[in-house]
Amino acid sequence: MPISGSPFLVAARLCNFPTGKATLLSGHEEWIQGDARRAMASSRAPWIDIVAYASKRGDAQFNMQLSGARCEAVKAKTRQFHPGAMFNVELHKGETESAGAENDNDGYWRAADVYVYGVRPTAPVRPPPSPVPIMGSTQFEIRVVGGGSGSIVIQTDNYFFQIVNLTERLTAFYFYTGAGIGLSIPKIPGPGSVTKAGPPTRFHTTRPVQLHAFNSRASLYQDPGATVGPVSVGGTMRLALREVLDNFGIVGTRPSTIPIGGGAGIQMPGLGSASEGVLALSSAVFPFNGYGA
């Protein structure tokens, strides 16, 4: 079966070796004595590649040895016509590439591929690999969009946050929900808070990450303070992300606990709170074109 192409002078697949044997057929010998011999005669130092196979019938280890014997049979016959021929590649692949069921005995796989080159094939010159772009960023902003908390003894926090990838100009929204302990000032009932959108705070990560990495266990702390309308005293939220992950493991944030200022709202006077929860990605990632009103 002729093989077309370049840069070889001539090539063919010698199919239908007898089952379980490495004996060349008369057609194989005719091709070696004819086309292969003429190609070798046209070069002072021909180089030859041989890749031999076996069908799936029989034991895999035996088939590997059998393909090696077929390779040697082709090599020996070829050297009869050009003792100085060099063999650049000699591969015996057994049944590793053969198709069909386990008992398949197709003659296409009882075969050896023979390539005759005028000179030793040279390795192709490949350009240096292009640098792999690092996806993500280390530079981010976060702001609270809105939410609230309530506490008598058990603190419950529910807030929406927005995080912006400043390098790639992408953004997404996240929902924090958690429970913990809130400390109120004695004799002032109804501790809790409601806030609208606040100003952004910048932070960075120790390795480039994408926005979905901030889908994380988290802790939320609120400083002592009070807010009425646009006037706020203290009450800063502080968010610690516990499981920012990439393929190499945990990624740190700097600062490790991120201060986030609240917006207009109401916060009953309190001594602070702490909750443990989850910051969950709650929107698609989309281009960032600035903060809305």
C-alpha atoms as a PDB file:
ATOM      1  CA  MET A   1       0.000   0.000   0.000  1.00  0.00           C
ATOM      2  CA  PRO A   2       1.908   3.151  -1.182  1.00  0.00           C
ATOM      3  CA  ILE A   3       2.291   6.051   1.263  1.00  0.00           C
ATOM      4  CA  SER A   4       2.358   9.467  -0.380  1.00  0.00           C
ATOM      5  CA  GLY A   5       3.941  12.613   0.913  1.00  0.00           C
ATOM      6  CA  SER A   6       7.365  14.067   1.674  1.00  0.00           C
ATOM      7  CA  PRO A   7      10.222  14.484   2.495  1.00  0.00           C
ATOM      8  CA  PHE A   8      10.843  10.748   1.918  1.00  0.00           C
ATOM      9  CA  LEU A   9      11.754   9.414  -1.529  1.00  0.00           C
ATOM     10  CA  VAL A  10       9.365   6.465  -1.380  1.00  0.00           C
ATOM     11  CA  ALA A  11       7.273   4.769   1.306  1.00  0.00           C
ATOM     12  CA  ALA A  12       4.774   1.928   1.641  1.00  0.00           C
ATOM     13  CA  ARG A  13       2.794  -0.041   4.186  1.00  0.00           C
ATOM     14  CA  LEU A  14       3.614  -3.737   3.824  1.00  0.00           C
ATOM     15  CA  CYS A  15       0.320  -5.336   4.918  1.00  0.00           C
ATOM     16  CA  ASN A  16      -0.957  -8.892   5.482  1.00  0.00           C
ATOM     17  CA  PHE A  17       2.036 -10.489   7.166  1.00  0.00           C
ATOM     18  CA  PRO A  18       1.034 -14.116   7.948  1.00  0.00           C
ATOM     19  CA  THR A  19      -0.789 -14.382  11.268  1.00  0.00           C
ATOM     20  CA  GLY A  20       1.680 -14.859  14.116  1.00  0.00           C
ATOM     21  CA  LYS A  21       4.706 -14.705  11.783  1.00  0.00           C
ATOM     22  CA  ALA A  22       7.315 -12.228  10.539  1.00  0.00           C
ATOM     23  CA  THR A  23       7.720 -13.786   7.098  1.00  0.00           C
ATOM     24  CA  LEU A  24       7.798 -11.313   4.210  1.00  0.00           C
ATOM     25  CA  LEU A  25       5.292 -11.948   1.418  1.00  0.00           C
ATOM     26  CA  SER A  26       6.435 -12.030  -2.191  1.00  0.00           C
ATOM     27  CA  GLY A  27       4.759  -8.651  -2.727  1.00  0.00           C
ATOM     28  CA  HIS A  28       6.765  -7.201   0.152  1.00  0.00           C
ATOM     29  CA  GLU A  29      10.018  -8.463  -1.346  1.00  0.00           C
ATOM     30  CA  GLU A  30       9.099  -7.143  -4.784  1.00  0.00           C
ATOM     31  CA  TRP A  31       8.529  -3.637  -3.382  1.00  0.00           C
ATOM     32  CA  ILE A  32      11.838  -3.704  -1.473  1.00  0.00           C
ATOM     33  CA  GLN A  33      13.726  -5.030  -4.535  1.00  0.00           C
ATOM     34  CA  GLY A  34      12.002  -2.539  -6.828  1.00  0.00           C
ATOM     35  CA  ASP A  35      10.803   0.847  -5.531  1.00  0.00           C
ATOM     36  CA  ALA A  36      12.864   0.847  -2.335  1.00  0.00           C
ATOM     37  CA  ARG A  37      16.017  -0.360  -4.065  1.00  0.00           C
ATOM     38  CA  ARG A  38      15.784   2.310  -6.769  1.00  0.00           C
ATOM     39  CA  ALA A  39      15.246   5.033  -4.181  1.00  0.00           C
ATOM     40  CA  MET A  40      18.241   3.850  -2.151  1.00  0.00           C
ATOM     41  CA  ALA A  41      20.401   3.729  -5.285  1.00  0.00           C
ATOM     42  CA  SER A  42      19.679   7.430  -5.895  1.00  0.00           C
ATOM     43  CA  SER A  43      21.417   8.395  -2.662  1.00  0.00           C
ATOM     44  CA  ARG A  44      24.900   7.708  -1.334  1.00  0.00           C
ATOM     45  CA  ALA A  45      23.675   7.482   2.237  1.00  0.00           C
ATOM     46  CA  PRO A  46      19.973   6.606   2.374  1.00  0.00           C
ATOM     47  CA  TRP A  47      18.159   6.638   5.687  1.00  0.00           C
ATOM     48  CA  ILE A  48      15.259   4.334   6.417  1.00  0.00           C
ATOM     49  CA  ASP A  49      12.476   4.371   9.019  1.00  0.00           C
ATOM     50  CA  ILE A  50      10.532   1.192   9.862  1.00  0.00           C
ATOM     51  CA  VAL A  51       7.408   1.097  12.062  1.00  0.00           C
ATOM     52  CA  ALA A  52       5.933  -2.385  12.570  1.00  0.00           C
ATOM     53  CA  TYR A  53       2.575  -3.505  14.006  1.00  0.00           C
ATOM     54  CA  ALA A  54       0.480  -6.542  14.935  1.00  0.00           C
ATOM     55  CA  SER A  55      -3.271  -7.142  15.014  1.00  0.00           C
ATOM     56  CA  LYS A  56      -5.142  -7.522  18.305  1.00  0.00           C
ATOM     57  CA  ARG A  57      -5.490 -11.280  18.025  1.00  0.00           C
ATOM     58  CA  GLY A  58      -3.438 -13.084  20.661  1.00  0.00           C
ATOM     59  CA  ASP A  59      -1.398 -11.959  23.650  1.00  0.00           C
ATOM     60  CA  ALA A  60      -0.320  -8.296  23.773  1.00  0.00           C
ATOM     61  CA  GLN A  61       3.235  -9.102  24.894  1.00  0.00           C
ATOM     62  CA  PHE A  62       3.648 -11.677  22.111  1.00  0.00           C
ATOM     63  CA  ASN A  63       2.287  -9.155  19.594  1.00  0.00           C
ATOM     64  CA  MET A  64       4.856  -6.596  20.711  1.00  0.00           C
ATOM     65  CA  GLN A  65       7.639  -9.141  20.115  1.00  0.00           C
ATOM     66  CA  LEU A  66       6.065 -10.132  16.800  1.00  0.00           C
ATOM     67  CA  SER A  67       6.066  -6.549  15.517  1.00  0.00           C
ATOM     68  CA  GLY A  68       9.746  -6.333  16.486  1.00  0.00           C
ATOM     69  CA  ALA A  69      10.481  -9.462  14.444  1.00  0.00           C
ATOM     70  CA  ARG A  70       8.647  -7.983  11.443  1.00  0.00           C
ATOM     71  CA  CYS A  71      10.742  -4.838  11.757  1.00  0.00           C
ATOM     72  CA  GLU A  72      13.937  -6.929  11.725  1.00  0.00           C
ATOM     73  CA  ALA A  73      12.753  -8.956   8.709  1.00  0.00           C
ATOM     74  CA  VAL A  74      12.235  -5.791   6.650  1.00  0.00           C
ATOM     75  CA  LYS A  75      15.570  -4.414   7.818  1.00  0.00           C
ATOM     76  CA  ALA A  76      17.464  -7.591   6.866  1.00  0.00           C
ATOM     77  CA  LYS A  77      15.902  -7.749   3.388  1.00  0.00           C
ATOM     78  CA  THR A  78      16.614  -4.063   2.753  1.00  0.00           C
ATOM     79  CA  ARG A  79      20.295  -4.444   3.664  1.00  0.00           C
ATOM     80  CA  GLN A  80      20.689  -7.088   0.970  1.00  0.00           C
ATOM     81  CA  PHE A  81      20.381  -4.321  -1.616  1.00  0.00           C
ATOM     82  CA  HIS A  82      22.204  -1.512   0.193  1.00  0.00           C
ATOM     83  CA  PRO A  83      24.537  -2.722   2.978  1.00  0.00           C
ATOM     84  CA  GLY A  84      25.411   0.875   3.854  1.00  0.00           C
ATOM     85  CA  ALA A  85      21.833   1.990   4.438  1.00  0.00           C
ATOM     86  CA  MET A  86      21.269   3.556   7.867  1.00  0.00           C
ATOM     87  CA  PHE A  87      18.142   2.998   9.924  1.00  0.00           C
ATOM     88  CA  ASN A  88      17.025   6.186  11.594  1.00  0.00           C
ATOM     89  CA  VAL A  89      13.835   4.948  13.299  1.00  0.00           C
ATOM     90  CA  GLU A  90      12.918   1.369  14.214  1.00  0.00           C
ATOM     91  CA  LEU A  91       9.660   1.141  16.132  1.00  0.00           C
ATOM     92  CA  HIS A  92       7.672  -1.937  16.988  1.00  0.00           C
ATOM     93  CA  LYS A  93       4.260  -0.994  18.332  1.00  0.00           C
ATOM     94  CA  GLY A  94       2.592  -4.382  18.711  1.00  0.00           C
ATOM     95  CA  GLU A  95      -1.162  -3.982  19.002  1.00  0.00           C
ATOM     96  CA  THR A  96      -1.023  -0.607  20.790  1.00  0.00           C
ATOM     97  CA  GLU A  97      -2.474   1.289  17.820  1.00  0.00           C
ATOM     98  CA  SER A  98      -4.566  -1.486  16.274  1.00  0.00           C
ATOM     99  CA  ALA A  99      -8.302  -0.975  15.934  1.00  0.00           C
ATOM    100  CA  GLY A 100     -11.136  -3.482  16.268  1.00  0.00           C
ATOM    101  CA  ALA A 101     -12.194  -6.011  18.879  1.00  0.00           C
ATOM    102  CA  GLU A 102      -9.785  -8.055  20.967  1.00  0.00           C
ATOM    103  CA  ASN A 103      -9.808 -10.923  18.435  1.00  0.00           C
ATOM    104  CA  ASP A 104      -9.520  -8.647  15.383  1.00  0.00           C
ATOM    105  CA  ASN A 105      -7.000  -9.963  12.848  1.00  0.00           C
ATOM    106  CA  ASP A 106      -7.234  -7.342  10.095  1.00  0.00           C
ATOM    107  CA  GLY A 107      -4.311  -7.558   7.692  1.00  0.00           C
ATOM    108  CA  TYR A 108      -3.960  -3.790   7.759  1.00  0.00           C
ATOM    109  CA  TRP A 109      -2.454  -4.145  11.246  1.00  0.00           C
ATOM    110  CA  ARG A 110      -0.292  -7.171  10.409  1.00  0.00           C
ATOM    111  CA  ALA A 111       2.061  -4.736   8.761  1.00  0.00           C
ATOM    112  CA  ALA A 112       5.190  -2.616   8.647  1.00  0.00           C
ATOM    113  CA  ASP A 113       5.550   0.958   7.376  1.00  0.00           C
ATOM    114  CA  VAL A 114       8.802   1.587   5.476  1.00  0.00           C
ATOM    115  CA  TYR A 115      10.079   5.080   4.625  1.00  0.00           C
ATOM    116  CA  VAL A 116      13.180   5.624   2.458  1.00  0.00           C
ATOM    117  CA  TYR A 117      14.882   9.033   2.717  1.00  0.00           C
ATOM    118  CA  GLY A 118      17.662  10.421   0.563  1.00  0.00           C
ATOM    119  CA  VAL A 119      19.352  11.937   3.627  1.00  0.00           C
ATOM    120  CA  ARG A 120      18.816  11.646   7.342  1.00  0.00           C
ATOM    121  CA  PRO A 121      15.542  13.404   8.229  1.00  0.00           C
ATOM    122  CA  THR A 122      16.129  16.507  10.291  1.00  0.00           C
ATOM    123  CA  ALA A 123      13.988  17.464  13.211  1.00  0.00           C
ATOM    124  CA  PRO A 124      11.552  20.218  12.227  1.00  0.00           C
ATOM    125  CA  VAL A 125      12.471  23.645  13.495  1.00  0.00           C
ATOM    126  CA  ARG A 126       9.730  24.731  15.817  1.00  0.00           C
ATOM    127  CA  PRO A 127       9.272  28.320  16.941  1.00  0.00           C
ATOM    128  CA  PRO A 128       9.596  28.897  20.677  1.00  0.00           C
ATOM    129  CA  PRO A 129       6.294  28.352  22.449  1.00  0.00           C
ATOM    130  CA  SER A 130       4.184  31.420  22.918  1.00  0.00           C
ATOM    131  CA  PRO A 131       3.955  32.499  26.537  1.00  0.00           C
ATOM    132  CA  VAL A 132       0.809  31.214  28.203  1.00  0.00           C
ATOM    133  CA  PRO A 133      -1.275  34.220  29.228  1.00  0.00           C
ATOM    134  CA  ILE A 134      -1.932  34.426  32.944  1.00  0.00           C
ATOM    135  CA  MET A 135      -5.663  34.578  33.422  1.00  0.00           C
ATOM    136  CA  GLY A 136      -7.076  36.736  36.151  1.00  0.00           C
ATOM    137  CA  SER A 137      -5.600  39.529  38.208  1.00  0.00           C
ATOM    138  CA  THR A 138      -4.037  40.368  41.549  1.00  0.00           C
ATOM    139  CA  GLN A 139      -5.714  43.803  41.745  1.00  0.00           C
ATOM    140  CA  PHE A 140      -9.333  44.087  42.913  1.00  0.00           C
ATOM    141  CA  GLU A 141     -11.904  46.388  44.496  1.00  0.00           C
ATOM    142  CA  ILE A 142     -14.828  45.426  46.700  1.00  0.00           C
ATOM    143  CA  ARG A 143     -17.832  47.389  47.917  1.00  0.00           C
ATOM    144  CA  VAL A 144     -21.015  46.610  49.783  1.00  0.00           C
ATOM    145  CA  VAL A 145     -24.085  47.045  47.556  1.00  0.00           C
ATOM    146  CA  GLY A 146     -26.720  46.611  50.216  1.00  0.00           C
ATOM    147  CA  GLY A 147     -28.070  44.358  52.917  1.00  0.00           C
ATOM    148  CA  GLY A 148     -28.612  44.149  56.598  1.00  0.00           C
ATOM    149  CA  SER A 149     -28.084  42.286  59.842  1.00  0.00           C
ATOM    150  CA  GLY A 150     -30.003  41.689  63.000  1.00  0.00           C
ATOM    151  CA  SER A 151     -29.062  40.435  66.449  1.00  0.00           C
ATOM    152  CA  ILE A 152     -30.255  39.939  69.952  1.00  0.00           C
ATOM    153  CA  VAL A 153     -27.593  37.381  70.833  1.00  0.00           C
ATOM    154  CA  ILE A 154     -27.342  35.404  67.593  1.00  0.00           C
ATOM    155  CA  GLN A 155     -26.143  37.643  64.760  1.00  0.00           C
ATOM    156  CA  THR A 156     -27.449  37.076  61.219  1.00  0.00           C
ATOM    157  CA  ASP A 157     -25.799  38.871  58.319  1.00  0.00           C
ATOM    158  CA  ASN A 158     -27.091  39.107  54.748  1.00  0.00           C
ATOM    159  CA  TYR A 159     -25.226  41.450  52.389  1.00  0.00           C
ATOM    160  CA  PHE A 160     -24.588  41.857  48.672  1.00  0.00           C
ATOM    161  CA  PHE A 161     -21.065  42.769  47.602  1.00  0.00           C
ATOM    162  CA  GLN A 162     -19.543  43.703  44.253  1.00  0.00           C
ATOM    163  CA  ILE A 163     -15.950  42.742  43.372  1.00  0.00           C
ATOM    164  CA  VAL A 164     -14.128  44.284  40.401  1.00  0.00           C
ATOM    165  CA  ASN A 165     -11.148  42.747  38.577  1.00  0.00           C
ATOM    166  CA  LEU A 166      -9.210  45.954  37.913  1.00  0.00           C
ATOM    167  CA  THR A 167      -6.772  44.400  35.406  1.00  0.00           C
ATOM    168  CA  GLU A 168      -9.307  42.776  33.073  1.00  0.00           C
ATOM    169  CA  ARG A 169     -12.123  45.263  33.851  1.00  0.00           C
ATOM    170  CA  LEU A 170     -14.601  42.563  34.840  1.00  0.00           C
ATOM    171  CA  THR A 171     -17.013  42.437  37.742  1.00  0.00           C
ATOM    172  CA  ALA A 172     -19.507  40.188  39.523  1.00  0.00           C
ATOM    173  CA  PHE A 173     -21.896  40.293  42.488  1.00  0.00           C
ATOM    174  CA  TYR A 174     -21.751  38.064  45.571  1.00  0.00           C
ATOM    175  CA  PHE A 175     -24.140  37.330  48.425  1.00  0.00           C
ATOM    176  CA  TYR A 176     -22.780  36.888  51.927  1.00  0.00           C
ATOM    177  CA  THR A 177     -24.872  35.052  54.471  1.00  0.00           C
ATOM    178  CA  GLY A 178     -23.603  34.123  57.899  1.00  0.00           C
ATOM    179  CA  ALA A 179     -24.420  33.702  61.557  1.00  0.00           C
ATOM    180  CA  GLY A 180     -22.526  34.584  64.711  1.00  0.00           C
ATOM    181  CA  ILE A 181     -22.616  36.834  67.739  1.00  0.00           C
ATOM    182  CA  GLY A 182     -23.615  40.501  67.968  1.00  0.00           C
ATOM    183  CA  LEU A 183     -22.998  42.677  71.017  1.00  0.00           C
ATOM    184  CA  SER A 184     -25.522  45.433  71.692  1.00  0.00           C
ATOM    185  CA  ILE A 185     -25.368  48.337  74.095  1.00  0.00           C
ATOM    186  CA  PRO A 186     -27.487  47.500  77.161  1.00  0.00           C
ATOM    187  CA  LYS A 187     -30.888  49.176  77.418  1.00  0.00           C
ATOM    188  CA  ILE A 188     -31.018  49.998  73.672  1.00  0.00           C
ATOM    189  CA  PRO A 189     -33.335  47.484  72.026  1.00  0.00           C
ATOM    190  CA  GLY A 190     -33.384  46.251  68.451  1.00  0.00           C
ATOM    191  CA  PRO A 191     -29.678  45.960  67.545  1.00  0.00           C
ATOM    192  CA  GLY A 192     -29.158  45.587  63.829  1.00  0.00           C
ATOM    193  CA  SER A 193     -28.288  47.501  60.683  1.00  0.00           C
ATOM    194  CA  VAL A 194     -29.371  48.194  57.116  1.00  0.00           C
ATOM    195  CA  THR A 195     -27.016  49.716  54.592  1.00  0.00           C
ATOM    196  CA  LYS A 196     -27.033  50.863  50.980  1.00  0.00           C
ATOM    197  CA  ALA A 197     -24.106  50.901  48.551  1.00  0.00           C
ATOM    198  CA  GLY A 198     -20.809  52.080  49.983  1.00  0.00           C
ATOM    199  CA  PRO A 199     -17.448  53.185  48.594  1.00  0.00           C
ATOM    200  CA  PRO A 200     -15.050  50.633  47.072  1.00  0.00           C
ATOM    201  CA  THR A 201     -11.969  49.343  48.888  1.00  0.00           C
ATOM    202  CA  ARG A 202      -8.920  48.100  47.017  1.00  0.00           C
ATOM    203  CA  PHE A 203      -7.189  44.823  47.871  1.00  0.00           C
ATOM    204  CA  HIS A 204      -4.862  42.406  46.097  1.00  0.00           C
ATOM    205  CA  THR A 205      -4.211  38.673  45.968  1.00  0.00           C
ATOM    206  CA  THR A 206      -0.939  36.783  46.304  1.00  0.00           C
ATOM    207  CA  ARG A 207      -1.445  35.110  42.879  1.00  0.00           C
ATOM    208  CA  PRO A 208      -3.537  36.047  39.845  1.00  0.00           C
ATOM    209  CA  VAL A 209      -7.076  34.687  40.171  1.00  0.00           C
ATOM    210  CA  GLN A 210     -10.368  35.055  38.360  1.00  0.00           C
ATOM    211  CA  LEU A 211     -13.504  36.387  39.955  1.00  0.00           C
ATOM    212  CA  HIS A 212     -15.108  32.985  40.489  1.00  0.00           C
ATOM    213  CA  ALA A 213     -12.298  32.179  42.979  1.00  0.00           C
ATOM    214  CA  PHE A 214     -13.924  34.491  45.517  1.00  0.00           C
ATOM    215  CA  ASN A 215     -16.804  32.021  45.900  1.00  0.00           C
ATOM    216  CA  SER A 216     -15.471  31.226  49.352  1.00  0.00           C
ATOM    217  CA  ARG A 217     -16.015  30.539  53.021  1.00  0.00           C
ATOM    218  CA  ALA A 218     -15.809  33.900  54.760  1.00  0.00           C
ATOM    219  CA  SER A 219     -16.053  35.742  58.060  1.00  0.00           C
ATOM    220  CA  LEU A 220     -17.688  39.145  58.446  1.00  0.00           C
ATOM    221  CA  TYR A 221     -16.932  41.472  61.350  1.00  0.00           C
ATOM    222  CA  GLN A 222     -18.550  44.818  62.119  1.00  0.00           C
ATOM    223  CA  ASP A 223     -16.776  47.406  64.249  1.00  0.00           C
ATOM    224  CA  PRO A 224     -18.599  49.161  67.091  1.00  0.00           C
ATOM    225  CA  GLY A 225     -20.571  52.112  65.785  1.00  0.00           C
ATOM    226  CA  ALA A 226     -23.864  53.648  64.771  1.00  0.00           C
ATOM    227  CA  THR A 227     -25.375  54.962  61.526  1.00  0.00           C
ATOM    228  CA  VAL A 228     -28.403  57.150  60.939  1.00  0.00           C
ATOM    229  CA  GLY A 229     -29.089  58.147  57.347  1.00  0.00           C
ATOM    230  CA  PRO A 230     -25.869  59.354  55.684  1.00  0.00           C
ATOM    231  CA  VAL A 231     -24.102  59.966  59.016  1.00  0.00           C
ATOM    232  CA  SER A 232     -21.994  57.113  60.352  1.00  0.00           C
ATOM    233  CA  VAL A 233     -19.734  56.722  63.358  1.00  0.00           C
ATOM    234  CA  GLY A 234     -17.590  53.587  63.183  1.00  0.00           C
ATOM    235  CA  GLY A 235     -19.434  50.468  62.097  1.00  0.00           C
ATOM    236  CA  THR A 236     -16.930  49.500  59.382  1.00  0.00           C
ATOM    237  CA  MET A 237     -17.405  45.984  58.036  1.00  0.00           C
ATOM    238  CA  ARG A 238     -14.338  43.735  57.737  1.00  0.00           C
ATOM    239  CA  LEU A 239     -14.456  40.723  55.403  1.00  0.00           C
ATOM    240  CA  ALA A 240     -12.017  37.809  55.634  1.00  0.00           C
ATOM    241  CA  LEU A 241     -12.066  35.326  52.729  1.00  0.00           C
ATOM    242  CA  ARG A 242     -11.107  31.847  53.972  1.00  0.00           C
ATOM    243  CA  GLU A 243     -10.954  29.657  50.850  1.00  0.00           C
ATOM    244  CA  VAL A 244      -9.896  31.618  47.772  1.00  0.00           C
ATOM    245  CA  LEU A 245      -8.613  28.736  45.627  1.00  0.00           C
ATOM    246  CA  ASP A 246      -6.818  28.177  42.325  1.00  0.00           C
ATOM    247  CA  ASN A 247      -5.175  25.068  40.857  1.00  0.00           C
ATOM    248  CA  PHE A 248      -2.199  25.495  43.191  1.00  0.00           C
ATOM    249  CA  GLY A 249      -4.156  25.826  46.425  1.00  0.00           C
ATOM    250  CA  ILE A 250      -5.146  28.643  48.767  1.00  0.00           C
ATOM    251  CA  VAL A 251      -4.607  32.216  47.555  1.00  0.00           C
ATOM    252  CA  GLY A 252      -4.099  34.942  50.141  1.00  0.00           C
ATOM    253  CA  THR A 253      -5.557  38.455  50.143  1.00  0.00           C
ATOM    254  CA  ARG A 254      -3.794  41.610  51.265  1.00  0.00           C
ATOM    255  CA  PRO A 255      -5.028  42.817  53.639  1.00  0.00           C
ATOM    256  CA  SER A 256      -6.150  39.454  54.955  1.00  0.00           C
ATOM    257  CA  THR A 257      -9.217  41.123  56.484  1.00  0.00           C
ATOM    258  CA  ILE A 258     -10.589  43.736  54.085  1.00  0.00           C
ATOM    259  CA  PRO A 259     -12.216  46.884  55.582  1.00  0.00           C
ATOM    260  CA  ILE A 260     -15.423  47.854  53.768  1.00  0.00           C
ATOM    261  CA  GLY A 261     -17.246  51.083  54.471  1.00  0.00           C
ATOM    262  CA  GLY A 262     -21.035  51.093  54.465  1.00  0.00           C
ATOM    263  CA  GLY A 263     -23.312  53.542  52.722  1.00  0.00           C
ATOM    264  CA  ALA A 264     -26.351  55.489  53.872  1.00  0.00           C
ATOM    265  CA  GLY A 265     -28.669  53.506  56.145  1.00  0.00           C
ATOM    266  CA  ILE A 266     -29.318  52.815  59.775  1.00  0.00           C
ATOM    267  CA  GLN A 267     -27.324  50.928  62.364  1.00  0.00           C
ATOM    268  CA  MET A 268     -28.503  50.776  65.938  1.00  0.00           C
ATOM    269  CA  PRO A 269     -25.660  51.551  68.352  1.00  0.00           C
ATOM    270  CA  GLY A 270     -23.693  48.382  69.033  1.00  0.00           C
ATOM    271  CA  LEU A 271     -20.399  47.019  70.302  1.00  0.00           C
ATOM    272  CA  GLY A 272     -19.660  45.051  67.157  1.00  0.00           C
ATOM    273  CA  SER A 273     -20.432  41.633  65.698  1.00  0.00           C
ATOM    274  CA  ALA A 274     -18.794  38.637  64.095  1.00  0.00           C
ATOM    275  CA  SER A 275     -20.290  35.965  61.849  1.00  0.00           C
ATOM    276  CA  GLU A 276     -19.098  32.939  59.894  1.00  0.00           C
ATOM    277  CA  GLY A 277     -20.650  32.180  56.521  1.00  0.00           C
ATOM    278  CA  VAL A 278     -20.213  31.952  52.779  1.00  0.00           C
ATOM    279  CA  LEU A 279     -19.560  34.547  50.098  1.00  0.00           C
ATOM    280  CA  ALA A 280     -21.422  33.025  47.124  1.00  0.00           C
ATOM    281  CA  LEU A 281     -21.134  34.170  43.505  1.00  0.00           C
ATOM    282  CA  SER A 282     -24.646  35.305  42.622  1.00  0.00           C
ATOM    283  CA  SER A 283     -24.281  36.765  39.117  1.00  0.00           C
ATOM    284  CA  ALA A 284     -22.490  36.181  35.861  1.00  0.00           C
ATOM    285  CA  VAL A 285     -19.092  37.790  35.340  1.00  0.00           C
ATOM    286  CA  PHE A 286     -19.552  40.812  33.055  1.00  0.00           C
ATOM    287  CA  PRO A 287     -17.581  43.835  31.801  1.00  0.00           C
ATOM    288  CA  PHE A 288     -17.067  46.614  34.331  1.00  0.00           C
ATOM    289  CA  ASN A 289     -18.035  50.082  33.067  1.00  0.00           C
ATOM    290  CA  GLY A 290     -18.072  51.938  36.357  1.00  0.00           C
ATOM    291  CA  TYR A 291     -20.266  51.915  39.443  1.00  0.00           C
ATOM    292  CA  GLY A 292     -23.907  52.784  39.011  1.00  0.00           C
ATOM    293  CA  ALA A 293     -25.644  55.409  41.027  1.00  0.00           C
END
